[in-house]
Amino acid sequence: MAYGPDTIDQYRQAAGYVDRILKGEKPADLPVLQPTKFELAINLKTAKALGLTVPPSLLATADEVIE
């Protein structure tokens, strides 16, 4: 299982920063943004190899399920 920030969304935020800097804003004046989107990935093959059962409710909320 892995839970972390959505890297594609972080690249989009970085592009927004670059745009604002190129338009003349000072980097020191830009706010620090925290990630807003997170992803949950579950590897069922590894869970089975470890003897773990993953509840269906957790599988339903996962963004990616690897079988």
PDB file of N, CA and C in Angstrom:
ATOM      1  N   MET A   1       0.831  -1.157   0.000  1.00  0.00           N
ATOM      2  CA  MET A   1       0.000   0.000   0.000  1.00  0.00           C
ATOM      3  C   MET A   1       0.888   1.237   0.000  1.00  0.00           C
ATOM      4  N   ALA A   2       0.441   2.244  -0.720  1.00  0.00           N
ATOM      5  CA  ALA A   2       1.157   3.521  -0.740  1.00  0.00           C
ATOM      6  C   ALA A   2       0.138   4.641  -0.721  1.00  0.00           C
ATOM      7  N   TYR A   3       0.388   5.629   0.119  1.00  0.00           N
ATOM      8  CA  TYR A   3      -0.484   6.798   0.214  1.00  0.00           C
ATOM      9  C   TYR A   3       0.406   8.024   0.189  1.00  0.00           C
ATOM     10  N   GLY A   4       0.199   8.874  -0.792  1.00  0.00           N
ATOM     11  CA  GLY A   4       1.042  10.057  -0.893  1.00  0.00           C
ATOM     12  C   GLY A   4       0.457  11.084  -1.832  1.00  0.00           C
ATOM     13  N   PRO A   5       1.137  12.218  -1.953  1.00  0.00           N
ATOM     14  CA  PRO A   5       0.621  13.292  -2.810  1.00  0.00           C
ATOM     15  C   PRO A   5       0.635  12.898  -4.282  1.00  0.00           C
ATOM     16  N   ASP A   6      -0.310  13.429  -5.019  1.00  0.00           N
ATOM     17  CA  ASP A   6      -0.419  13.206  -6.456  1.00  0.00           C
ATOM     18  C   ASP A   6       0.689  14.001  -7.141  1.00  0.00           C
ATOM     19  N   THR A   7       1.656  13.308  -7.740  1.00  0.00           N
ATOM     20  CA  THR A   7       2.814  13.990  -8.326  1.00  0.00           C
ATOM     21  C   THR A   7       2.423  14.846  -9.532  1.00  0.00           C
ATOM     22  N   ILE A   8       1.455  14.413 -10.310  1.00  0.00           N
ATOM     23  CA  ILE A   8       1.042  15.199 -11.477  1.00  0.00           C
ATOM     24  C   ILE A   8       0.451  16.532 -11.025  1.00  0.00           C
ATOM     25  N   ASP A   9      -0.322  16.501  -9.947  1.00  0.00           N
ATOM     26  CA  ASP A   9      -0.888  17.740  -9.420  1.00  0.00           C
ATOM     27  C   ASP A   9       0.216  18.676  -8.917  1.00  0.00           C
ATOM     28  N   GLN A  10       1.266  18.110  -8.340  1.00  0.00           N
ATOM     29  CA  GLN A  10       2.376  18.936  -7.870  1.00  0.00           C
ATOM     30  C   GLN A  10       3.086  19.607  -9.037  1.00  0.00           C
ATOM     31  N   TYR A  11       3.219  18.901 -10.163  1.00  0.00           N
ATOM     32  CA  TYR A  11       3.828  19.514 -11.351  1.00  0.00           C
ATOM     33  C   TYR A  11       2.964  20.665 -11.861  1.00  0.00           C
ATOM     34  N   ARG A  12       1.654  20.504 -11.796  1.00  0.00           N
ATOM     35  CA  ARG A  12       0.763  21.590 -12.217  1.00  0.00           C
ATOM     36  C   ARG A  12       0.941  22.810 -11.316  1.00  0.00           C
ATOM     37  N   GLN A  13       1.065  22.569 -10.010  1.00  0.00           N
ATOM     38  CA  GLN A  13       1.285  23.684  -9.097  1.00  0.00           C
ATOM     39  C   GLN A  13       2.619  24.365  -9.390  1.00  0.00           C
ATOM     40  N   ALA A  14       3.635  23.569  -9.700  1.00  0.00           N
ATOM     41  CA  ALA A  14       4.947  24.141 -10.022  1.00  0.00           C
ATOM     42  C   ALA A  14       4.857  24.996 -11.289  1.00  0.00           C
ATOM     43  N   ALA A  15       4.083  24.554 -12.267  1.00  0.00           N
ATOM     44  CA  ALA A  15       3.917  25.335 -13.493  1.00  0.00           C
ATOM     45  C   ALA A  15       3.250  26.670 -13.182  1.00  0.00           C
ATOM     46  N   GLY A  16       2.330  26.663 -12.235  1.00  0.00           N
ATOM     47  CA  GLY A  16       1.693  27.914 -11.827  1.00  0.00           C
ATOM     48  C   GLY A  16       2.689  28.873 -11.202  1.00  0.00           C
ATOM     49  N   TYR A  17       3.608  28.322 -10.407  1.00  0.00           N
ATOM     50  CA  TYR A  17       4.662  29.150  -9.812  1.00  0.00           C
ATOM     51  C   TYR A  17       5.555  29.752 -10.902  1.00  0.00           C
ATOM     52  N   VAL A  18       5.955  28.959 -11.860  1.00  0.00           N
ATOM     53  CA  VAL A  18       6.814  29.437 -12.949  1.00  0.00           C
ATOM     54  C   VAL A  18       6.103  30.546 -13.719  1.00  0.00           C
ATOM     55  N   ASP A  19       4.824  30.343 -13.989  1.00  0.00           N
ATOM     56  CA  ASP A  19       4.042  31.356 -14.698  1.00  0.00           C
ATOM     57  C   ASP A  19       4.031  32.675 -13.939  1.00  0.00           C
ATOM     58  N   ARG A  20       3.800  32.609 -12.636  1.00  0.00           N
ATOM     59  CA  ARG A  20       3.736  33.834 -11.835  1.00  0.00           C
ATOM     60  C   ARG A  20       5.099  34.527 -11.761  1.00  0.00           C
ATOM     61  N   ILE A  21       6.171  33.741 -11.694  1.00  0.00           N
ATOM     62  CA  ILE A  21       7.520  34.327 -11.651  1.00  0.00           C
ATOM     63  C   ILE A  21       7.845  35.002 -12.987  1.00  0.00           C
ATOM     64  N   LEU A  22       7.487  34.336 -14.089  1.00  0.00           N
ATOM     65  CA  LEU A  22       7.748  34.921 -15.404  1.00  0.00           C
ATOM     66  C   LEU A  22       6.922  36.177 -15.648  1.00  0.00           C
ATOM     67  N   LYS A  23       5.809  36.313 -14.956  1.00  0.00           N
ATOM     68  CA  LYS A  23       4.982  37.524 -15.087  1.00  0.00           C
ATOM     69  C   LYS A  23       5.468  38.645 -14.176  1.00  0.00           C
ATOM     70  N   GLY A  24       6.545  38.390 -13.390  1.00  0.00           N
ATOM     71  CA  GLY A  24       7.157  39.455 -12.625  1.00  0.00           C
ATOM     72  C   GLY A  24       7.043  39.376 -11.120  1.00  0.00           C
ATOM     73  N   GLU A  25       6.353  38.385 -10.585  1.00  0.00           N
ATOM     74  CA  GLU A  25       6.257  38.278  -9.124  1.00  0.00           C
ATOM     75  C   GLU A  25       7.581  37.782  -8.556  1.00  0.00           C
ATOM     76  N   LYS A  26       7.896  38.239  -7.376  1.00  0.00           N
ATOM     77  CA  LYS A  26       9.119  37.798  -6.716  1.00  0.00           C
ATOM     78  C   LYS A  26       8.873  36.426  -6.071  1.00  0.00           C
ATOM     79  N   PRO A  27       9.809  35.494  -6.243  1.00  0.00           N
ATOM     80  CA  PRO A  27       9.633  34.165  -5.645  1.00  0.00           C
ATOM     81  C   PRO A  27       9.437  34.213  -4.128  1.00  0.00           C
ATOM     82  N   ALA A  28      10.058  35.176  -3.460  1.00  0.00           N
ATOM     83  CA  ALA A  28       9.928  35.279  -2.006  1.00  0.00           C
ATOM     84  C   ALA A  28       8.509  35.671  -1.590  1.00  0.00           C
ATOM     85  N   ASP A  29       7.751  36.283  -2.507  1.00  0.00           N
ATOM     86  CA  ASP A  29       6.390  36.723  -2.191  1.00  0.00           C
ATOM     87  C   ASP A  29       5.341  35.643  -2.448  1.00  0.00           C
ATOM     88  N   LEU A  30       5.732  34.552  -3.080  1.00  0.00           N
ATOM     89  CA  LEU A  30       4.773  33.490  -3.395  1.00  0.00           C
ATOM     90  C   LEU A  30       4.520  32.622  -2.164  1.00  0.00           C
ATOM     91  N   PRO A  31       3.275  32.215  -1.962  1.00  0.00           N
ATOM     92  CA  PRO A  31       2.963  31.367  -0.804  1.00  0.00           C
ATOM     93  C   PRO A  31       3.460  29.942  -1.010  1.00  0.00           C
ATOM     94  N   VAL A  32       3.719  29.263   0.085  1.00  0.00           N
ATOM     95  CA  VAL A  32       4.088  27.850   0.033  1.00  0.00           C
ATOM     96  C   VAL A  32       2.793  27.050   0.080  1.00  0.00           C
ATOM     97  N   LEU A  33       2.574  26.235  -0.923  1.00  0.00           N
ATOM     98  CA  LEU A  33       1.347  25.452  -0.999  1.00  0.00           C
ATOM     99  C   LEU A  33       1.593  24.010  -0.575  1.00  0.00           C
ATOM    100  N   GLN A  34       0.671  23.469   0.192  1.00  0.00           N
ATOM    101  CA  GLN A  34       0.705  22.072   0.585  1.00  0.00           C
ATOM    102  C   GLN A  34      -0.017  21.257  -0.487  1.00  0.00           C
ATOM    103  N   PRO A  35       0.339  19.987  -0.651  1.00  0.00           N
ATOM    104  CA  PRO A  35      -0.402  19.154  -1.608  1.00  0.00           C
ATOM    105  C   PRO A  35      -1.883  19.097  -1.226  1.00  0.00           C
ATOM    106  N   THR A  36      -2.730  19.104  -2.237  1.00  0.00           N
ATOM    107  CA  THR A  36      -4.167  19.055  -1.990  1.00  0.00           C
ATOM    108  C   THR A  36      -4.783  17.738  -2.435  1.00  0.00           C
ATOM    109  N   LYS A  37      -4.106  17.023  -3.326  1.00  0.00           N
ATOM    110  CA  LYS A  37      -4.615  15.741  -3.808  1.00  0.00           C
ATOM    111  C   LYS A  37      -3.663  14.633  -3.363  1.00  0.00           C
ATOM    112  N   PHE A  38      -4.239  13.546  -2.897  1.00  0.00           N
ATOM    113  CA  PHE A  38      -3.448  12.397  -2.459  1.00  0.00           C
ATOM    114  C   PHE A  38      -3.961  11.149  -3.166  1.00  0.00           C
ATOM    115  N   GLU A  39      -3.065  10.188  -3.364  1.00  0.00           N
ATOM    116  CA  GLU A  39      -3.412   8.937  -4.039  1.00  0.00           C
ATOM    117  C   GLU A  39      -3.192   7.757  -3.102  1.00  0.00           C
ATOM    118  N   LEU A  40      -4.048   6.751  -3.236  1.00  0.00           N
ATOM    119  CA  LEU A  40      -3.908   5.504  -2.495  1.00  0.00           C
ATOM    120  C   LEU A  40      -3.776   4.377  -3.505  1.00  0.00           C
ATOM    121  N   ALA A  41      -2.669   3.642  -3.451  1.00  0.00           N
ATOM    122  CA  ALA A  41      -2.442   2.498  -4.329  1.00  0.00           C
ATOM    123  C   ALA A  41      -2.297   1.248  -3.469  1.00  0.00           C
ATOM    124  N   ILE A  42      -2.937   0.162  -3.904  1.00  0.00           N
ATOM    125  CA  ILE A  42      -2.899  -1.101  -3.159  1.00  0.00           C
ATOM    126  C   ILE A  42      -2.436  -2.200  -4.095  1.00  0.00           C
ATOM    127  N   ASN A  43      -1.438  -2.960  -3.665  1.00  0.00           N
ATOM    128  CA  ASN A  43      -0.925  -4.082  -4.430  1.00  0.00           C
ATOM    129  C   ASN A  43      -1.487  -5.374  -3.819  1.00  0.00           C
ATOM    130  N   LEU A  44      -2.487  -5.955  -4.490  1.00  0.00           N
ATOM    131  CA  LEU A  44      -3.143  -7.149  -3.963  1.00  0.00           C
ATOM    132  C   LEU A  44      -2.245  -8.384  -4.018  1.00  0.00           C
ATOM    133  N   LYS A  45      -1.368  -8.452  -5.006  1.00  0.00           N
ATOM    134  CA  LYS A  45      -0.471  -9.604  -5.128  1.00  0.00           C
ATOM    135  C   LYS A  45       0.473  -9.665  -3.927  1.00  0.00           C
ATOM    136  N   THR A  46       1.018  -8.528  -3.547  1.00  0.00           N
ATOM    137  CA  THR A  46       1.915  -8.470  -2.389  1.00  0.00           C
ATOM    138  C   THR A  46       1.146  -8.729  -1.102  1.00  0.00           C
ATOM    139  N   ALA A  47      -0.053  -8.184  -1.003  1.00  0.00           N
ATOM    140  CA  ALA A  47      -0.864  -8.415   0.190  1.00  0.00           C
ATOM    141  C   ALA A  47      -1.155  -9.908   0.352  1.00  0.00           C
ATOM    142  N   LYS A  48      -1.460 -10.575  -0.746  1.00  0.00           N
ATOM    143  CA  LYS A  48      -1.730 -12.019  -0.700  1.00  0.00           C
ATOM    144  C   LYS A  48      -0.475 -12.789  -0.300  1.00  0.00           C
ATOM    145  N   ALA A  49       0.681 -12.389  -0.828  1.00  0.00           N
ATOM    146  CA  ALA A  49       1.940 -13.055  -0.495  1.00  0.00           C
ATOM    147  C   ALA A  49       2.281 -12.899   0.984  1.00  0.00           C
ATOM    148  N   LEU A  50       1.855 -11.783   1.584  1.00  0.00           N
ATOM    149  CA  LEU A  50       2.101 -11.547   3.006  1.00  0.00           C
ATOM    150  C   LEU A  50       1.007 -12.144   3.896  1.00  0.00           C
ATOM    151  N   GLY A  51      -0.019 -12.698   3.265  1.00  0.00           N
ATOM    152  CA  GLY A  51      -1.104 -13.287   4.025  1.00  0.00           C
ATOM    153  C   GLY A  51      -2.085 -12.267   4.582  1.00  0.00           C
ATOM    154  N   LEU A  52      -2.181 -11.107   3.931  1.00  0.00           N
ATOM    155  CA  LEU A  52      -3.078 -10.042   4.391  1.00  0.00           C
ATOM    156  C   LEU A  52      -4.350 -10.035   3.561  1.00  0.00           C
ATOM    157  N   THR A  53      -5.443  -9.702   4.199  1.00  0.00           N
ATOM    158  CA  THR A  53      -6.688  -9.502   3.465  1.00  0.00           C
ATOM    159  C   THR A  53      -7.023  -8.018   3.502  1.00  0.00           C
ATOM    160  N   VAL A  54      -7.376  -7.511   2.349  1.00  0.00           N
ATOM    161  CA  VAL A  54      -7.695  -6.086   2.229  1.00  0.00           C
ATOM    162  C   VAL A  54      -9.216  -5.957   2.205  1.00  0.00           C
ATOM    163  N   PRO A  55      -9.775  -5.191   3.123  1.00  0.00           N
ATOM    164  CA  PRO A  55     -11.236  -5.035   3.162  1.00  0.00           C
ATOM    165  C   PRO A  55     -11.780  -4.412   1.877  1.00  0.00           C
ATOM    166  N   PRO A  56     -12.942  -4.860   1.439  1.00  0.00           N
ATOM    167  CA  PRO A  56     -13.542  -4.300   0.215  1.00  0.00           C
ATOM    168  C   PRO A  56     -13.778  -2.793   0.300  1.00  0.00           C
ATOM    169  N   SER A  57     -14.064  -2.281   1.482  1.00  0.00           N
ATOM    170  CA  SER A  57     -14.288  -0.846   1.615  1.00  0.00           C
ATOM    171  C   SER A  57     -13.006  -0.060   1.324  1.00  0.00           C
ATOM    172  N   LEU A  58     -11.852  -0.625   1.683  1.00  0.00           N
ATOM    173  CA  LEU A  58     -10.575   0.039   1.388  1.00  0.00           C
ATOM    174  C   LEU A  58     -10.261  -0.052  -0.101  1.00  0.00           C
ATOM    175  N   LEU A  59     -10.573  -1.194  -0.709  1.00  0.00           N
ATOM    176  CA  LEU A  59     -10.361  -1.341  -2.149  1.00  0.00           C
ATOM    177  C   LEU A  59     -11.228  -0.359  -2.938  1.00  0.00           C
ATOM    178  N   ALA A  60     -12.423  -0.089  -2.431  1.00  0.00           N
ATOM    179  CA  ALA A  60     -13.330   0.822  -3.130  1.00  0.00           C
ATOM    180  C   ALA A  60     -12.815   2.264  -3.095  1.00  0.00           C
ATOM    181  N   THR A  61     -12.077   2.623  -2.073  1.00  0.00           N
ATOM    182  CA  THR A  61     -11.577   3.993  -1.964  1.00  0.00           C
ATOM    183  C   THR A  61     -10.218   4.180  -2.634  1.00  0.00           C
ATOM    184  N   ALA A  62      -9.561   3.103  -3.021  1.00  0.00           N
ATOM    185  CA  ALA A  62      -8.230   3.194  -3.634  1.00  0.00           C
ATOM    186  C   ALA A  62      -8.298   3.826  -5.018  1.00  0.00           C
ATOM    187  N   ASP A  63      -7.287   4.619  -5.340  1.00  0.00           N
ATOM    188  CA  ASP A  63      -7.177   5.217  -6.674  1.00  0.00           C
ATOM    189  C   ASP A  63      -6.626   4.213  -7.677  1.00  0.00           C
ATOM    190  N   GLU A  64      -5.770   3.314  -7.196  1.00  0.00           N
ATOM    191  CA  GLU A  64      -5.162   2.308  -8.068  1.00  0.00           C
ATOM    192  C   GLU A  64      -5.068   0.993  -7.307  1.00  0.00           C
ATOM    193  N   VAL A  65      -5.522  -0.080  -7.967  1.00  0.00           N
ATOM    194  CA  VAL A  65      -5.424  -1.420  -7.386  1.00  0.00           C
ATOM    195  C   VAL A  65      -4.607  -2.266  -8.349  1.00  0.00           C
ATOM    196  N   ILE A  66      -3.484  -2.790  -7.859  1.00  0.00           N
ATOM    197  CA  ILE A  66      -2.599  -3.616  -8.676  1.00  0.00           C
ATOM    198  C   ILE A  66      -2.882  -5.059  -8.326  1.00  0.00           C
ATOM    199  N   GLU A  67      -3.251  -5.863  -9.356  1.00  0.00           N
ATOM    200  CA  GLU A  67      -3.624  -7.251  -9.097  1.00  0.00           C
ATOM    201  C   GLU A  67      -2.549  -8.203  -9.444  1.00  0.00           C
TER     202      GLU A  67
END
